């Protein structure tokens, strides 16, 4: 039997709106693993944020029926059962200065996150304008956040630089940013906090959900045609385009036109529906 890889996004996909995972979806992931399917979560969350979310559910990591965590939008890959980081893509101080100069010119508020595994530590720079989502994120991680002053020494290596744009991007702005930052992985996502603001995340060129999934598939000699992905937001788009089969839950953001749009949302076991539609749970898969 050829092995397959099942990759699901977390927030807005596997997570219900209350940041829990339904018993049905947990059972589905366990059934996939029992059939020899490699199961992975691909999330924009840092390792710290992911562990914090599990703790909030009172769910032990060892009891989660998932083999691998592709965290920080694929910048890191964790073997969950062995608690071992297998892959880590970081950007240098020189890269950080280039990216922050671009964000300064655009007038963005931004954060510079320390290299894995300490990604929850960050410097931040504010323009002093109204940006509730930006300040909410600082409040959530207040003990790990430090203001970025002209005399501040940024990290020798970083996981990412994240800009928060409160009213979203204007037409053509994302293309301009990607052009200005050619050579880096530039990811656009909707804020998981206010669900309106745009997050622009810049990573090492090898950091993305699709590249992390491809690395994992190669590790197990799984062809792309036997990779199934589920998502709901723009930061899932590269993964959904790359996977052999891709599915979007019904609460997917408008404008994401990649993958089969299912009639069920994250709150209605969308991950289980995707697993069923993929054929991975059928007798001949």
C-alpha atoms as a PDB file:
ATOM      1  CA  UNK A   1       0.000   0.000   0.000  1.00  0.00           C
ATOM      2  CA  UNK A   2       1.372   3.413  -0.973  1.00  0.00           C
ATOM      3  CA  UNK A   3       1.594   5.860   1.906  1.00  0.00           C
ATOM      4  CA  UNK A   4      -0.266   9.161   1.878  1.00  0.00           C
ATOM      5  CA  UNK A   5       0.151  12.491   3.667  1.00  0.00           C
ATOM      6  CA  UNK A   6      -2.774  14.410   5.173  1.00  0.00           C
ATOM      7  CA  UNK A   7      -2.037  18.039   6.103  1.00  0.00           C
ATOM      8  CA  UNK A   8      -4.538  20.295   7.835  1.00  0.00           C
ATOM      9  CA  UNK A   9      -4.378  23.935   8.793  1.00  0.00           C
ATOM     10  CA  UNK A  10      -5.166  24.678  12.446  1.00  0.00           C
ATOM     11  CA  UNK A  11      -6.962  27.981  13.163  1.00  0.00           C
ATOM     12  CA  UNK A  12     -10.225  28.197  11.254  1.00  0.00           C
ATOM     13  CA  UNK A  13      -9.841  24.660   9.903  1.00  0.00           C
ATOM     14  CA  UNK A  14      -9.093  21.971  12.486  1.00  0.00           C
ATOM     15  CA  UNK A  15      -9.854  24.343  15.347  1.00  0.00           C
ATOM     16  CA  UNK A  16     -13.469  25.235  15.972  1.00  0.00           C
ATOM     17  CA  UNK A  17     -14.156  28.920  16.590  1.00  0.00           C
ATOM     18  CA  UNK A  18     -13.725  28.278  20.331  1.00  0.00           C
ATOM     19  CA  UNK A  19     -10.158  27.029  19.695  1.00  0.00           C
ATOM     20  CA  UNK A  20     -10.941  23.382  20.406  1.00  0.00           C
ATOM     21  CA  UNK A  21     -10.843  20.272  18.223  1.00  0.00           C
ATOM     22  CA  UNK A  22     -14.011  18.216  17.972  1.00  0.00           C
ATOM     23  CA  UNK A  23     -13.984  14.615  19.112  1.00  0.00           C
ATOM     24  CA  UNK A  24     -15.094  13.611  15.630  1.00  0.00           C
ATOM     25  CA  UNK A  25     -12.126  15.316  13.981  1.00  0.00           C
ATOM     26  CA  UNK A  26      -9.731  13.839  16.541  1.00  0.00           C
ATOM     27  CA  UNK A  27     -11.176  10.404  15.785  1.00  0.00           C
ATOM     28  CA  UNK A  28     -10.776  11.009  12.051  1.00  0.00           C
ATOM     29  CA  UNK A  29      -7.098  11.877  12.461  1.00  0.00           C
ATOM     30  CA  UNK A  30      -6.614   8.755  14.593  1.00  0.00           C
ATOM     31  CA  UNK A  31      -8.310   6.621  11.923  1.00  0.00           C
ATOM     32  CA  UNK A  32      -6.055   8.076   9.243  1.00  0.00           C
ATOM     33  CA  UNK A  33      -2.963   7.227  11.272  1.00  0.00           C
ATOM     34  CA  UNK A  34      -4.243   3.698  11.881  1.00  0.00           C
ATOM     35  CA  UNK A  35      -4.366   3.268   8.102  1.00  0.00           C
ATOM     36  CA  UNK A  36      -0.722   4.304   7.753  1.00  0.00           C
ATOM     37  CA  UNK A  37      -1.415   7.863   6.618  1.00  0.00           C
ATOM     38  CA  UNK A  38       1.150  10.416   7.811  1.00  0.00           C
ATOM     39  CA  UNK A  39      -0.813  13.196   9.534  1.00  0.00           C
ATOM     40  CA  UNK A  40       0.492  16.738   9.934  1.00  0.00           C
ATOM     41  CA  UNK A  41      -0.776  20.110  11.128  1.00  0.00           C
ATOM     42  CA  UNK A  42       0.457  23.165   9.212  1.00  0.00           C
ATOM     43  CA  UNK A  43       0.009  26.378  11.178  1.00  0.00           C
ATOM     44  CA  UNK A  44       1.182  29.947  11.301  1.00  0.00           C
ATOM     45  CA  UNK A  45       1.471  29.607  15.065  1.00  0.00           C
ATOM     46  CA  UNK A  46       4.855  29.405  16.731  1.00  0.00           C
ATOM     47  CA  UNK A  47       5.753  26.283  18.660  1.00  0.00           C
ATOM     48  CA  UNK A  48       5.059  28.146  21.905  1.00  0.00           C
ATOM     49  CA  UNK A  49       1.638  29.314  20.696  1.00  0.00           C
ATOM     50  CA  UNK A  50       0.726  25.807  19.546  1.00  0.00           C
ATOM     51  CA  UNK A  51       1.698  24.300  22.894  1.00  0.00           C
ATOM     52  CA  UNK A  52      -0.248  27.027  24.687  1.00  0.00           C
ATOM     53  CA  UNK A  53      -3.344  26.215  22.616  1.00  0.00           C
ATOM     54  CA  UNK A  54      -3.099  22.512  23.482  1.00  0.00           C
ATOM     55  CA  UNK A  55      -2.737  23.366  27.167  1.00  0.00           C
ATOM     56  CA  UNK A  56      -5.874  25.512  26.975  1.00  0.00           C
ATOM     57  CA  UNK A  57      -7.735  22.420  25.706  1.00  0.00           C
ATOM     58  CA  UNK A  58      -6.191  20.217  28.403  1.00  0.00           C
ATOM     59  CA  UNK A  59      -4.918  18.041  25.577  1.00  0.00           C
ATOM     60  CA  UNK A  60      -1.542  16.379  26.044  1.00  0.00           C
ATOM     61  CA  UNK A  61       0.689  16.610  22.971  1.00  0.00           C
ATOM     62  CA  UNK A  62       1.389  12.879  23.132  1.00  0.00           C
ATOM     63  CA  UNK A  63      -2.362  12.180  22.931  1.00  0.00           C
ATOM     64  CA  UNK A  64      -2.860  14.296  19.817  1.00  0.00           C
ATOM     65  CA  UNK A  65      -3.272  11.886  16.856  1.00  0.00           C
ATOM     66  CA  UNK A  66      -0.823  13.832  14.677  1.00  0.00           C
ATOM     67  CA  UNK A  67       2.699  12.872  13.606  1.00  0.00           C
ATOM     68  CA  UNK A  68       4.236  16.208  12.602  1.00  0.00           C
ATOM     69  CA  UNK A  69       3.763  19.890  13.217  1.00  0.00           C
ATOM     70  CA  UNK A  70       4.691  22.338  10.450  1.00  0.00           C
ATOM     71  CA  UNK A  71       4.811  25.488  12.562  1.00  0.00           C
ATOM     72  CA  UNK A  72       5.588  29.167  11.977  1.00  0.00           C
ATOM     73  CA  UNK A  73       4.151  28.786   8.461  1.00  0.00           C
ATOM     74  CA  UNK A  74       6.570  25.980   7.660  1.00  0.00           C
ATOM     75  CA  UNK A  75       9.738  27.605   9.002  1.00  0.00           C
ATOM     76  CA  UNK A  76       9.956  24.720  11.471  1.00  0.00           C
ATOM     77  CA  UNK A  77       9.012  21.039  11.406  1.00  0.00           C
ATOM     78  CA  UNK A  78       8.500  19.142  14.652  1.00  0.00           C
ATOM     79  CA  UNK A  79       8.336  15.369  15.095  1.00  0.00           C
ATOM     80  CA  UNK A  80       5.591  15.469  17.704  1.00  0.00           C
ATOM     81  CA  UNK A  81       6.087  12.005  19.162  1.00  0.00           C
ATOM     82  CA  UNK A  82       9.856  12.419  19.548  1.00  0.00           C
ATOM     83  CA  UNK A  83       9.551  16.126  20.435  1.00  0.00           C
ATOM     84  CA  UNK A  84      12.361  16.825  17.990  1.00  0.00           C
ATOM     85  CA  UNK A  85      12.725  19.755  15.592  1.00  0.00           C
ATOM     86  CA  UNK A  86      13.693  18.300  12.221  1.00  0.00           C
ATOM     87  CA  UNK A  87      13.910  21.455  10.128  1.00  0.00           C
ATOM     88  CA  UNK A  88      14.520  25.108  10.918  1.00  0.00           C
ATOM     89  CA  UNK A  89      14.693  27.908   8.345  1.00  0.00           C
ATOM     90  CA  UNK A  90      15.929  31.252   9.725  1.00  0.00           C
ATOM     91  CA  UNK A  91      16.771  34.644   8.261  1.00  0.00           C
ATOM     92  CA  UNK A  92      19.947  36.549   9.157  1.00  0.00           C
ATOM     93  CA  UNK A  93      20.313  39.979  10.769  1.00  0.00           C
ATOM     94  CA  UNK A  94      21.174  41.355   7.343  1.00  0.00           C
ATOM     95  CA  UNK A  95      17.916  39.916   5.973  1.00  0.00           C
ATOM     96  CA  UNK A  96      15.977  41.424   8.877  1.00  0.00           C
ATOM     97  CA  UNK A  97      17.392  44.883   8.164  1.00  0.00           C
ATOM     98  CA  UNK A  98      16.452  44.627   4.490  1.00  0.00           C
ATOM     99  CA  UNK A  99      12.900  43.510   5.301  1.00  0.00           C
ATOM    100  CA  UNK A 100      12.332  46.100   8.026  1.00  0.00           C
ATOM    101  CA  UNK A 101      13.613  48.853   5.724  1.00  0.00           C
ATOM    102  CA  UNK A 102      10.962  47.810   3.212  1.00  0.00           C
ATOM    103  CA  UNK A 103       8.273  47.851   5.914  1.00  0.00           C
ATOM    104  CA  UNK A 104       9.503  51.225   7.181  1.00  0.00           C
ATOM    105  CA  UNK A 105       9.124  52.659   3.698  1.00  0.00           C
ATOM    106  CA  UNK A 106       5.588  51.255   3.505  1.00  0.00           C
ATOM    107  CA  UNK A 107       4.725  52.784   6.901  1.00  0.00           C
ATOM    108  CA  UNK A 108       3.819  49.433   8.471  1.00  0.00           C
ATOM    109  CA  UNK A 109       3.756  48.467  12.140  1.00  0.00           C
ATOM    110  CA  UNK A 110       5.818  45.295  12.458  1.00  0.00           C
ATOM    111  CA  UNK A 111       7.390  42.677  14.694  1.00  0.00           C
ATOM    112  CA  UNK A 112      10.712  40.816  14.392  1.00  0.00           C
ATOM    113  CA  UNK A 113      10.491  37.308  15.825  1.00  0.00           C
ATOM    114  CA  UNK A 114      13.486  35.495  17.275  1.00  0.00           C
ATOM    115  CA  UNK A 115      14.740  32.283  15.655  1.00  0.00           C
ATOM    116  CA  UNK A 116      13.172  28.893  16.431  1.00  0.00           C
ATOM    117  CA  UNK A 117      12.514  27.620  19.079  1.00  0.00           C
ATOM    118  CA  UNK A 118      12.173  31.055  20.724  1.00  0.00           C
ATOM    119  CA  UNK A 119       9.880  32.593  18.110  1.00  0.00           C
ATOM    120  CA  UNK A 120       7.485  33.933  20.757  1.00  0.00           C
ATOM    121  CA  UNK A 121      10.098  36.566  21.667  1.00  0.00           C
ATOM    122  CA  UNK A 122       9.940  39.625  19.433  1.00  0.00           C
ATOM    123  CA  UNK A 123      10.854  43.259  18.940  1.00  0.00           C
ATOM    124  CA  UNK A 124       8.097  45.559  17.711  1.00  0.00           C
ATOM    125  CA  UNK A 125       7.954  48.930  15.989  1.00  0.00           C
ATOM    126  CA  UNK A 126       4.831  51.079  15.998  1.00  0.00           C
ATOM    127  CA  UNK A 127       3.987  54.201  14.024  1.00  0.00           C
ATOM    128  CA  UNK A 128       1.612  55.314  16.765  1.00  0.00           C
ATOM    129  CA  UNK A 129      -1.415  55.080  14.493  1.00  0.00           C
ATOM    130  CA  UNK A 130      -4.658  53.245  15.204  1.00  0.00           C
ATOM    131  CA  UNK A 131      -3.934  49.525  14.888  1.00  0.00           C
ATOM    132  CA  UNK A 132      -5.905  47.543  17.515  1.00  0.00           C
ATOM    133  CA  UNK A 133      -4.904  44.139  16.145  1.00  0.00           C
ATOM    134  CA  UNK A 134      -1.204  45.012  16.424  1.00  0.00           C
ATOM    135  CA  UNK A 135      -1.515  46.150  20.033  1.00  0.00           C
ATOM    136  CA  UNK A 136      -3.696  43.195  20.951  1.00  0.00           C
ATOM    137  CA  UNK A 137      -0.950  40.845  19.784  1.00  0.00           C
ATOM    138  CA  UNK A 138       1.595  42.737  21.874  1.00  0.00           C
ATOM    139  CA  UNK A 139      -0.690  42.460  24.915  1.00  0.00           C
ATOM    140  CA  UNK A 140      -1.060  38.708  24.392  1.00  0.00           C
ATOM    141  CA  UNK A 141       2.727  38.278  24.501  1.00  0.00           C
ATOM    142  CA  UNK A 142       3.604  41.229  26.719  1.00  0.00           C
ATOM    143  CA  UNK A 143       6.251  39.330  28.699  1.00  0.00           C
ATOM    144  CA  UNK A 144       8.058  38.401  25.454  1.00  0.00           C
ATOM    145  CA  UNK A 145       7.736  41.721  23.586  1.00  0.00           C
ATOM    146  CA  UNK A 146      10.274  44.556  23.493  1.00  0.00           C
ATOM    147  CA  UNK A 147      10.041  47.870  21.613  1.00  0.00           C
ATOM    148  CA  UNK A 148      12.483  48.288  18.766  1.00  0.00           C
ATOM    149  CA  UNK A 149      14.495  51.489  19.239  1.00  0.00           C
ATOM    150  CA  UNK A 150      17.115  52.938  16.854  1.00  0.00           C
ATOM    151  CA  UNK A 151      19.828  51.729  19.218  1.00  0.00           C
ATOM    152  CA  UNK A 152      18.348  48.228  19.566  1.00  0.00           C
ATOM    153  CA  UNK A 153      20.442  45.292  18.366  1.00  0.00           C
ATOM    154  CA  UNK A 154      18.137  42.987  16.424  1.00  0.00           C
ATOM    155  CA  UNK A 155      18.532  39.229  16.675  1.00  0.00           C
ATOM    156  CA  UNK A 156      21.462  37.539  14.941  1.00  0.00           C
ATOM    157  CA  UNK A 157      18.860  35.303  13.310  1.00  0.00           C
ATOM    158  CA  UNK A 158      15.091  35.485  13.174  1.00  0.00           C
ATOM    159  CA  UNK A 159      12.171  33.319  12.172  1.00  0.00           C
ATOM    160  CA  UNK A 160      10.151  36.061  10.515  1.00  0.00           C
ATOM    161  CA  UNK A 161       9.249  39.719  10.244  1.00  0.00           C
ATOM    162  CA  UNK A 162       5.498  40.305  10.590  1.00  0.00           C
ATOM    163  CA  UNK A 163       3.645  43.470   9.561  1.00  0.00           C
ATOM    164  CA  UNK A 164       0.067  44.122  10.696  1.00  0.00           C
ATOM    165  CA  UNK A 165      -1.978  46.256   8.285  1.00  0.00           C
ATOM    166  CA  UNK A 166      -5.237  47.278  10.016  1.00  0.00           C
ATOM    167  CA  UNK A 167      -7.372  48.032   6.961  1.00  0.00           C
ATOM    168  CA  UNK A 168      -5.873  45.381   4.724  1.00  0.00           C
ATOM    169  CA  UNK A 169      -3.793  45.815   1.604  1.00  0.00           C
ATOM    170  CA  UNK A 170      -4.718  48.107  -1.250  1.00  0.00           C
ATOM    171  CA  UNK A 171      -4.889  46.731  -4.784  1.00  0.00           C
ATOM    172  CA  UNK A 172      -1.501  45.683  -6.094  1.00  0.00           C
ATOM    173  CA  UNK A 173       0.294  46.235  -2.793  1.00  0.00           C
ATOM    174  CA  UNK A 174       1.003  42.557  -2.165  1.00  0.00           C
ATOM    175  CA  UNK A 175       2.557  42.181  -5.622  1.00  0.00           C
ATOM    176  CA  UNK A 176       4.719  45.246  -4.966  1.00  0.00           C
ATOM    177  CA  UNK A 177       5.893  43.845  -1.637  1.00  0.00           C
ATOM    178  CA  UNK A 178       6.727  40.487  -3.187  1.00  0.00           C
ATOM    179  CA  UNK A 179       8.694  42.243  -5.896  1.00  0.00           C
ATOM    180  CA  UNK A 180      10.588  44.398  -3.380  1.00  0.00           C
ATOM    181  CA  UNK A 181      11.315  41.334  -1.255  1.00  0.00           C
ATOM    182  CA  UNK A 182      12.102  38.913  -4.055  1.00  0.00           C
ATOM    183  CA  UNK A 183      14.202  36.072  -2.698  1.00  0.00           C
ATOM    184  CA  UNK A 184      12.159  35.756   0.492  1.00  0.00           C
ATOM    185  CA  UNK A 185       8.954  33.885   1.255  1.00  0.00           C
ATOM    186  CA  UNK A 186       6.246  36.555   1.571  1.00  0.00           C
ATOM    187  CA  UNK A 187       2.988  35.222   3.028  1.00  0.00           C
ATOM    188  CA  UNK A 188      -0.319  37.089   3.225  1.00  0.00           C
ATOM    189  CA  UNK A 189      -2.772  35.993   5.920  1.00  0.00           C
ATOM    190  CA  UNK A 190      -5.917  37.270   7.603  1.00  0.00           C
ATOM    191  CA  UNK A 191      -5.378  38.068  11.285  1.00  0.00           C
ATOM    192  CA  UNK A 192      -6.588  35.227  13.532  1.00  0.00           C
ATOM    193  CA  UNK A 193      -7.276  37.858  16.203  1.00  0.00           C
ATOM    194  CA  UNK A 194      -9.674  40.361  14.620  1.00  0.00           C
ATOM    195  CA  UNK A 195     -10.278  38.391  11.386  1.00  0.00           C
ATOM    196  CA  UNK A 196      -9.977  41.630   9.381  1.00  0.00           C
ATOM    197  CA  UNK A 197      -6.444  42.982   9.471  1.00  0.00           C
ATOM    198  CA  UNK A 198      -3.860  41.768   6.982  1.00  0.00           C
ATOM    199  CA  UNK A 199      -0.715  40.082   8.249  1.00  0.00           C
ATOM    200  CA  UNK A 200       2.292  40.187   5.941  1.00  0.00           C
ATOM    201  CA  UNK A 201       4.873  37.634   7.072  1.00  0.00           C
ATOM    202  CA  UNK A 202       8.345  37.429   5.552  1.00  0.00           C
ATOM    203  CA  UNK A 203      10.417  34.271   6.001  1.00  0.00           C
ATOM    204  CA  UNK A 204      13.474  32.488   4.695  1.00  0.00           C
ATOM    205  CA  UNK A 205      12.852  31.530   1.047  1.00  0.00           C
ATOM    206  CA  UNK A 206      12.529  27.853   2.023  1.00  0.00           C
ATOM    207  CA  UNK A 207       9.835  28.569   4.635  1.00  0.00           C
ATOM    208  CA  UNK A 208       6.249  27.998   3.558  1.00  0.00           C
ATOM    209  CA  UNK A 209       3.570  25.446   4.250  1.00  0.00           C
ATOM    210  CA  UNK A 210       3.959  23.860   0.817  1.00  0.00           C
ATOM    211  CA  UNK A 211       7.752  23.556   1.078  1.00  0.00           C
ATOM    212  CA  UNK A 212       7.511  22.047   4.557  1.00  0.00           C
ATOM    213  CA  UNK A 213       4.907  19.551   3.329  1.00  0.00           C
ATOM    214  CA  UNK A 214       7.067  18.725   0.311  1.00  0.00           C
ATOM    215  CA  UNK A 215      10.060  18.103   2.591  1.00  0.00           C
ATOM    216  CA  UNK A 216       7.955  15.772   4.720  1.00  0.00           C
ATOM    217  CA  UNK A 217       6.545  13.954   1.697  1.00  0.00           C
ATOM    218  CA  UNK A 218      10.059  13.422   0.350  1.00  0.00           C
ATOM    219  CA  UNK A 219      11.141  12.026   3.714  1.00  0.00           C
ATOM    220  CA  UNK A 220       8.550   9.264   3.365  1.00  0.00           C
ATOM    221  CA  UNK A 221       8.785   8.979  -0.437  1.00  0.00           C
ATOM    222  CA  UNK A 222       5.160  10.057  -0.750  1.00  0.00           C
ATOM    223  CA  UNK A 223       4.308  11.390  -4.221  1.00  0.00           C
ATOM    224  CA  UNK A 224       2.610  14.754  -4.445  1.00  0.00           C
ATOM    225  CA  UNK A 225      -0.447  13.040  -5.921  1.00  0.00           C
ATOM    226  CA  UNK A 226      -0.994  11.298  -2.577  1.00  0.00           C
ATOM    227  CA  UNK A 227      -0.921  14.482  -0.484  1.00  0.00           C
ATOM    228  CA  UNK A 228      -4.233  15.845   0.815  1.00  0.00           C
ATOM    229  CA  UNK A 229      -4.445  19.370   2.258  1.00  0.00           C
ATOM    230  CA  UNK A 230      -7.204  21.270   4.051  1.00  0.00           C
ATOM    231  CA  UNK A 231      -7.228  25.004   4.748  1.00  0.00           C
ATOM    232  CA  UNK A 232      -9.212  28.220   4.973  1.00  0.00           C
ATOM    233  CA  UNK A 233      -6.979  31.273   4.502  1.00  0.00           C
ATOM    234  CA  UNK A 234      -4.476  32.947   2.185  1.00  0.00           C
ATOM    235  CA  UNK A 235      -1.494  31.510   4.057  1.00  0.00           C
ATOM    236  CA  UNK A 236      -2.762  28.039   3.074  1.00  0.00           C
ATOM    237  CA  UNK A 237      -2.928  28.881  -0.627  1.00  0.00           C
ATOM    238  CA  UNK A 238       0.523  27.647  -1.630  1.00  0.00           C
ATOM    239  CA  UNK A 239      -0.094  24.364   0.223  1.00  0.00           C
ATOM    240  CA  UNK A 240      -3.516  23.920  -1.358  1.00  0.00           C
ATOM    241  CA  UNK A 241      -2.112  24.576  -4.833  1.00  0.00           C
ATOM    242  CA  UNK A 242       0.756  22.148  -4.300  1.00  0.00           C
ATOM    243  CA  UNK A 243      -1.168  19.203  -2.826  1.00  0.00           C
ATOM    244  CA  UNK A 244      -2.557  16.467  -5.027  1.00  0.00           C
ATOM    245  CA  UNK A 245      -5.995  17.016  -3.486  1.00  0.00           C
ATOM    246  CA  UNK A 246      -7.043  20.147  -1.651  1.00  0.00           C
ATOM    247  CA  UNK A 247     -10.160  21.139   0.260  1.00  0.00           C
ATOM    248  CA  UNK A 248     -11.415  24.379   1.797  1.00  0.00           C
ATOM    249  CA  UNK A 249     -13.859  24.535   4.679  1.00  0.00           C
ATOM    250  CA  UNK A 250     -17.040  26.584   4.174  1.00  0.00           C
ATOM    251  CA  UNK A 251     -15.720  29.457   6.325  1.00  0.00           C
ATOM    252  CA  UNK A 252     -12.831  30.050   3.921  1.00  0.00           C
ATOM    253  CA  UNK A 253     -11.972  33.724   3.372  1.00  0.00           C
ATOM    254  CA  UNK A 254     -13.453  35.305   0.221  1.00  0.00           C
ATOM    255  CA  UNK A 255     -11.030  35.334  -2.678  1.00  0.00           C
ATOM    256  CA  UNK A 256      -9.312  32.043  -1.887  1.00  0.00           C
ATOM    257  CA  UNK A 257     -10.154  30.073  -5.019  1.00  0.00           C
ATOM    258  CA  UNK A 258      -7.874  27.067  -4.527  1.00  0.00           C
ATOM    259  CA  UNK A 259      -9.258  23.652  -3.611  1.00  0.00           C
ATOM    260  CA  UNK A 260     -12.712  22.107  -3.383  1.00  0.00           C
ATOM    261  CA  UNK A 261     -14.987  24.357  -1.328  1.00  0.00           C
ATOM    262  CA  UNK A 262     -16.911  22.070   1.013  1.00  0.00           C
ATOM    263  CA  UNK A 263     -20.420  22.795   2.344  1.00  0.00           C
ATOM    264  CA  UNK A 264     -19.288  22.349   5.961  1.00  0.00           C
ATOM    265  CA  UNK A 265     -17.262  24.700   8.142  1.00  0.00           C
ATOM    266  CA  UNK A 266     -14.577  24.225  10.758  1.00  0.00           C
ATOM    267  CA  UNK A 267     -17.391  24.094  13.335  1.00  0.00           C
ATOM    268  CA  UNK A 268     -19.110  21.257  11.476  1.00  0.00           C
ATOM    269  CA  UNK A 269     -16.206  18.778  11.198  1.00  0.00           C
ATOM    270  CA  UNK A 270     -14.806  20.112   7.936  1.00  0.00           C
ATOM    271  CA  UNK A 271     -11.563  18.185   8.382  1.00  0.00           C
ATOM    272  CA  UNK A 272     -13.486  14.922   8.712  1.00  0.00           C
ATOM    273  CA  UNK A 273     -15.473  15.731   5.587  1.00  0.00           C
ATOM    274  CA  UNK A 274     -12.263  16.416   3.666  1.00  0.00           C
ATOM    275  CA  UNK A 275     -10.732  13.122   4.819  1.00  0.00           C
ATOM    276  CA  UNK A 276     -13.838  11.298   3.668  1.00  0.00           C
ATOM    277  CA  UNK A 277     -13.982  13.050   0.300  1.00  0.00           C
ATOM    278  CA  UNK A 278     -10.282  12.379  -0.301  1.00  0.00           C
ATOM    279  CA  UNK A 279     -10.810   8.603  -0.278  1.00  0.00           C
ATOM    280  CA  UNK A 280      -8.106   8.052   2.356  1.00  0.00           C
ATOM    281  CA  UNK A 281     -10.579   6.296   4.640  1.00  0.00           C
ATOM    282  CA  UNK A 282     -12.037   3.983   2.031  1.00  0.00           C
ATOM    283  CA  UNK A 283     -11.077   0.317   1.786  1.00  0.00           C
ATOM    284  CA  UNK A 284      -9.065   0.644  -1.450  1.00  0.00           C
ATOM    285  CA  UNK A 285      -7.153   3.839  -0.677  1.00  0.00           C
END
